[in-house]
Amino acid sequence: MDAASELTLLKRALRLYAGQHVVDRVLEMKERAFDLDGQVVAASLMFVDVARFQPSADKCEPSTVEQVVNHYLGVVTSSSAH
């Protein structure tokens, strides 16, 4: 596989798994995107196990699942703020 084909494959994989914004950022940063220095950022991570979610989600379009999850997270975060 030549370099151009590898780059196309990498872009496609990044777009599929991380989104176009990641592809744009990597292309903007060029070689610096692969520096292993890391970056310190403030972040929050929440794992949620919603009962019987997967069987329902499997029957829906991805955009519908996204809307449901976003609604759920909106309700959860507004409720925990009170």
N, C-alpha and C. Protein backbone atom coordinates (compact mmCIF):
# COMPACT_ATOMS: atom_id res chain seq x y z
N MET A 1 0.86 -1.18 0.00
CA MET A 1 0.00 0.00 0.00
C MET A 1 0.91 1.24 0.00
N ASP A 2 0.63 2.19 -0.88
CA ASP A 2 1.44 3.39 -0.95
C ASP A 2 1.01 4.41 0.12
N ALA A 3 1.82 5.46 0.28
CA ALA A 3 1.59 6.45 1.33
C ALA A 3 0.25 7.17 1.17
N ALA A 4 -0.14 7.46 -0.05
CA ALA A 4 -1.42 8.16 -0.29
C ALA A 4 -2.60 7.27 0.13
N SER A 5 -2.52 5.99 -0.17
CA SER A 5 -3.59 5.06 0.23
C SER A 5 -3.64 4.91 1.75
N GLU A 6 -2.48 4.87 2.38
CA GLU A 6 -2.44 4.78 3.84
C GLU A 6 -3.04 6.02 4.49
N LEU A 7 -2.74 7.19 3.93
CA LEU A 7 -3.29 8.44 4.46
C LEU A 7 -4.80 8.47 4.30
N THR A 8 -5.30 8.03 3.16
CA THR A 8 -6.74 7.97 2.93
C THR A 8 -7.40 7.02 3.93
N LEU A 9 -6.79 5.87 4.17
CA LEU A 9 -7.31 4.90 5.13
C LEU A 9 -7.31 5.46 6.54
N LEU A 10 -6.25 6.15 6.92
CA LEU A 10 -6.15 6.78 8.24
C LEU A 10 -7.23 7.84 8.42
N LYS A 11 -7.41 8.69 7.42
CA LYS A 11 -8.45 9.72 7.49
C LYS A 11 -9.83 9.10 7.64
N ARG A 12 -10.10 8.05 6.88
CA ARG A 12 -11.40 7.39 6.95
C ARG A 12 -11.63 6.78 8.33
N ALA A 13 -10.60 6.14 8.89
CA ALA A 13 -10.73 5.53 10.21
C ALA A 13 -10.95 6.59 11.28
N LEU A 14 -10.18 7.68 11.23
CA LEU A 14 -10.35 8.76 12.21
C LEU A 14 -11.74 9.38 12.10
N ARG A 15 -12.19 9.59 10.89
CA ARG A 15 -13.52 10.18 10.67
C ARG A 15 -14.60 9.25 11.23
N LEU A 16 -14.46 7.95 11.00
CA LEU A 16 -15.45 6.98 11.44
C LEU A 16 -15.49 6.86 12.96
N TYR A 17 -14.33 6.76 13.58
CA TYR A 17 -14.28 6.49 15.01
C TYR A 17 -14.20 7.73 15.89
N ALA A 18 -13.69 8.83 15.35
CA ALA A 18 -13.50 10.02 16.19
C ALA A 18 -14.20 11.25 15.65
N GLY A 19 -14.57 11.28 14.38
CA GLY A 19 -15.28 12.41 13.82
C GLY A 19 -14.41 13.28 12.92
N GLN A 20 -15.08 14.04 12.08
CA GLN A 20 -14.37 14.90 11.13
C GLN A 20 -13.54 15.95 11.84
N HIS A 21 -14.01 16.43 13.00
CA HIS A 21 -13.26 17.44 13.73
C HIS A 21 -11.88 16.93 14.13
N VAL A 22 -11.75 15.64 14.41
CA VAL A 22 -10.44 15.07 14.76
C VAL A 22 -9.56 15.02 13.52
N VAL A 23 -10.12 14.62 12.39
CA VAL A 23 -9.35 14.61 11.14
C VAL A 23 -8.85 16.01 10.83
N ASP A 24 -9.72 17.00 10.94
CA ASP A 24 -9.32 18.39 10.67
C ASP A 24 -8.20 18.82 11.61
N ARG A 25 -8.32 18.46 12.88
CA ARG A 25 -7.32 18.86 13.88
C ARG A 25 -5.97 18.20 13.59
N VAL A 26 -5.97 16.92 13.25
CA VAL A 26 -4.73 16.21 12.93
C VAL A 26 -4.07 16.83 11.71
N LEU A 27 -4.86 17.13 10.69
CA LEU A 27 -4.30 17.73 9.48
C LEU A 27 -3.75 19.12 9.75
N GLU A 28 -4.42 19.86 10.64
CA GLU A 28 -3.96 21.20 11.01
C GLU A 28 -2.64 21.14 11.77
N MET A 29 -2.52 20.16 12.66
CA MET A 29 -1.33 20.06 13.51
C MET A 29 -0.15 19.40 12.81
N LYS A 30 -0.40 18.69 11.73
CA LYS A 30 0.62 17.96 10.98
C LYS A 30 1.38 17.00 11.90
N GLU A 31 2.71 17.02 11.87
CA GLU A 31 3.51 16.07 12.65
C GLU A 31 3.30 16.24 14.15
N ARG A 32 2.97 17.44 14.62
CA ARG A 32 2.77 17.68 16.06
C ARG A 32 1.61 16.85 16.60
N ALA A 33 0.69 16.43 15.74
CA ALA A 33 -0.46 15.65 16.19
C ALA A 33 -0.03 14.30 16.75
N PHE A 34 1.16 13.85 16.37
CA PHE A 34 1.62 12.54 16.82
C PHE A 34 2.67 12.62 17.92
N ASP A 35 2.90 13.83 18.45
CA ASP A 35 3.78 13.97 19.61
C ASP A 35 3.17 13.23 20.78
N LEU A 36 3.99 12.59 21.57
CA LEU A 36 3.49 11.82 22.69
C LEU A 36 3.62 12.58 24.01
N ASP A 37 3.76 13.90 23.93
CA ASP A 37 3.90 14.71 25.13
C ASP A 37 2.61 14.77 25.92
N GLY A 38 1.50 14.64 25.25
CA GLY A 38 0.20 14.72 25.92
C GLY A 38 -0.24 16.14 26.13
N GLN A 39 -1.41 16.28 26.68
CA GLN A 39 -2.01 17.58 26.92
C GLN A 39 -2.87 17.47 28.17
N VAL A 40 -2.73 18.41 29.07
CA VAL A 40 -3.52 18.41 30.29
C VAL A 40 -4.79 19.21 30.04
N VAL A 41 -5.93 18.58 30.31
CA VAL A 41 -7.22 19.24 30.14
C VAL A 41 -8.12 18.88 31.32
N ALA A 42 -9.03 19.78 31.63
CA ALA A 42 -10.04 19.49 32.63
C ALA A 42 -11.14 18.70 31.94
N ALA A 43 -11.49 17.55 32.49
CA ALA A 43 -12.51 16.71 31.85
C ALA A 43 -13.30 15.94 32.90
N SER A 44 -14.50 15.61 32.55
CA SER A 44 -15.34 14.76 33.39
C SER A 44 -15.73 13.54 32.59
N LEU A 45 -15.85 12.43 33.26
CA LEU A 45 -16.24 11.19 32.61
C LEU A 45 -17.27 10.51 33.48
N MET A 46 -18.35 10.09 32.87
CA MET A 46 -19.40 9.44 33.62
C MET A 46 -19.79 8.16 32.89
N PHE A 47 -19.80 7.05 33.62
CA PHE A 47 -20.28 5.79 33.08
C PHE A 47 -21.69 5.56 33.61
N VAL A 48 -22.60 5.25 32.73
CA VAL A 48 -23.99 5.05 33.12
C VAL A 48 -24.46 3.71 32.55
N ASP A 49 -25.09 2.92 33.40
CA ASP A 49 -25.66 1.65 32.97
C ASP A 49 -27.17 1.80 33.03
N VAL A 50 -27.79 1.99 31.88
CA VAL A 50 -29.24 2.16 31.80
C VAL A 50 -29.86 0.80 31.51
N ALA A 51 -30.73 0.37 32.40
CA ALA A 51 -31.35 -0.95 32.26
C ALA A 51 -32.09 -1.09 30.93
N ARG A 52 -31.86 -2.20 30.24
CA ARG A 52 -32.54 -2.55 28.99
C ARG A 52 -32.37 -1.51 27.87
N PHE A 53 -31.28 -0.75 27.93
CA PHE A 53 -31.05 0.28 26.92
C PHE A 53 -30.61 -0.34 25.58
N GLN A 54 -29.68 -1.27 25.64
CA GLN A 54 -29.09 -1.82 24.41
C GLN A 54 -30.12 -2.44 23.46
N PRO A 55 -31.03 -3.29 23.94
CA PRO A 55 -32.01 -3.85 22.99
C PRO A 55 -32.85 -2.77 22.30
N SER A 56 -33.21 -1.73 23.03
CA SER A 56 -33.98 -0.64 22.41
C SER A 56 -33.13 0.14 21.43
N ALA A 57 -31.90 0.42 21.82
CA ALA A 57 -31.00 1.20 20.96
C ALA A 57 -30.69 0.46 19.66
N ASP A 58 -30.60 -0.86 19.74
CA ASP A 58 -30.30 -1.65 18.54
C ASP A 58 -31.38 -1.53 17.48
N LYS A 59 -32.60 -1.18 17.88
CA LYS A 59 -33.72 -1.07 16.94
C LYS A 59 -33.87 0.34 16.36
N CYS A 60 -33.08 1.29 16.84
CA CYS A 60 -33.23 2.70 16.44
C CYS A 60 -32.10 3.14 15.52
N GLU A 61 -32.37 4.21 14.80
CA GLU A 61 -31.33 4.86 14.01
C GLU A 61 -30.34 5.53 14.97
N PRO A 62 -29.07 5.65 14.58
CA PRO A 62 -28.08 6.29 15.44
C PRO A 62 -28.47 7.70 15.89
N SER A 63 -29.09 8.47 15.00
CA SER A 63 -29.49 9.83 15.37
C SER A 63 -30.55 9.82 16.47
N THR A 64 -31.43 8.82 16.44
CA THR A 64 -32.45 8.70 17.48
C THR A 64 -31.81 8.34 18.81
N VAL A 65 -30.86 7.41 18.78
CA VAL A 65 -30.15 7.04 20.01
C VAL A 65 -29.43 8.25 20.58
N GLU A 66 -28.80 9.03 19.72
CA GLU A 66 -28.10 10.24 20.16
C GLU A 66 -29.07 11.20 20.84
N GLN A 67 -30.23 11.41 20.25
CA GLN A 67 -31.23 12.32 20.85
C GLN A 67 -31.68 11.81 22.22
N VAL A 68 -31.92 10.52 22.32
CA VAL A 68 -32.37 9.94 23.59
C VAL A 68 -31.29 10.09 24.66
N VAL A 69 -30.06 9.77 24.31
CA VAL A 69 -28.95 9.88 25.26
C VAL A 69 -28.75 11.34 25.67
N ASN A 70 -28.78 12.25 24.73
CA ASN A 70 -28.61 13.66 25.06
C ASN A 70 -29.73 14.16 25.98
N HIS A 71 -30.95 13.71 25.72
CA HIS A 71 -32.08 14.09 26.59
C HIS A 71 -31.85 13.53 27.99
N TYR A 72 -31.49 12.26 28.07
CA TYR A 72 -31.23 11.62 29.36
C TYR A 72 -30.15 12.38 30.13
N LEU A 73 -29.05 12.68 29.47
CA LEU A 73 -27.95 13.38 30.14
C LEU A 73 -28.37 14.78 30.57
N GLY A 74 -29.21 15.43 29.78
CA GLY A 74 -29.72 16.74 30.17
C GLY A 74 -30.55 16.67 31.44
N VAL A 75 -31.40 15.66 31.52
CA VAL A 75 -32.24 15.47 32.70
C VAL A 75 -31.37 15.14 33.91
N VAL A 76 -30.44 14.24 33.75
CA VAL A 76 -29.57 13.82 34.86
C VAL A 76 -28.72 14.97 35.38
N THR A 77 -28.13 15.73 34.47
CA THR A 77 -27.25 16.81 34.93
C THR A 77 -28.04 17.96 35.54
N SER A 78 -29.23 18.24 35.02
CA SER A 78 -30.02 19.34 35.63
C SER A 78 -30.57 18.91 36.98
N SER A 79 -30.91 17.63 37.14
CA SER A 79 -31.42 17.14 38.42
C SER A 79 -30.34 17.13 39.49
N SER A 80 -29.11 16.80 39.11
CA SER A 80 -28.05 16.70 40.11
C SER A 80 -27.56 18.08 40.56
N ALA A 81 -27.90 19.10 39.80
CA ALA A 81 -27.46 20.46 40.16
C ALA A 81 -28.32 21.06 41.27
N HIS A 82 -29.47 20.47 41.56
CA HIS A 82 -30.40 21.03 42.56
C HIS A 82 -30.14 20.46 43.92
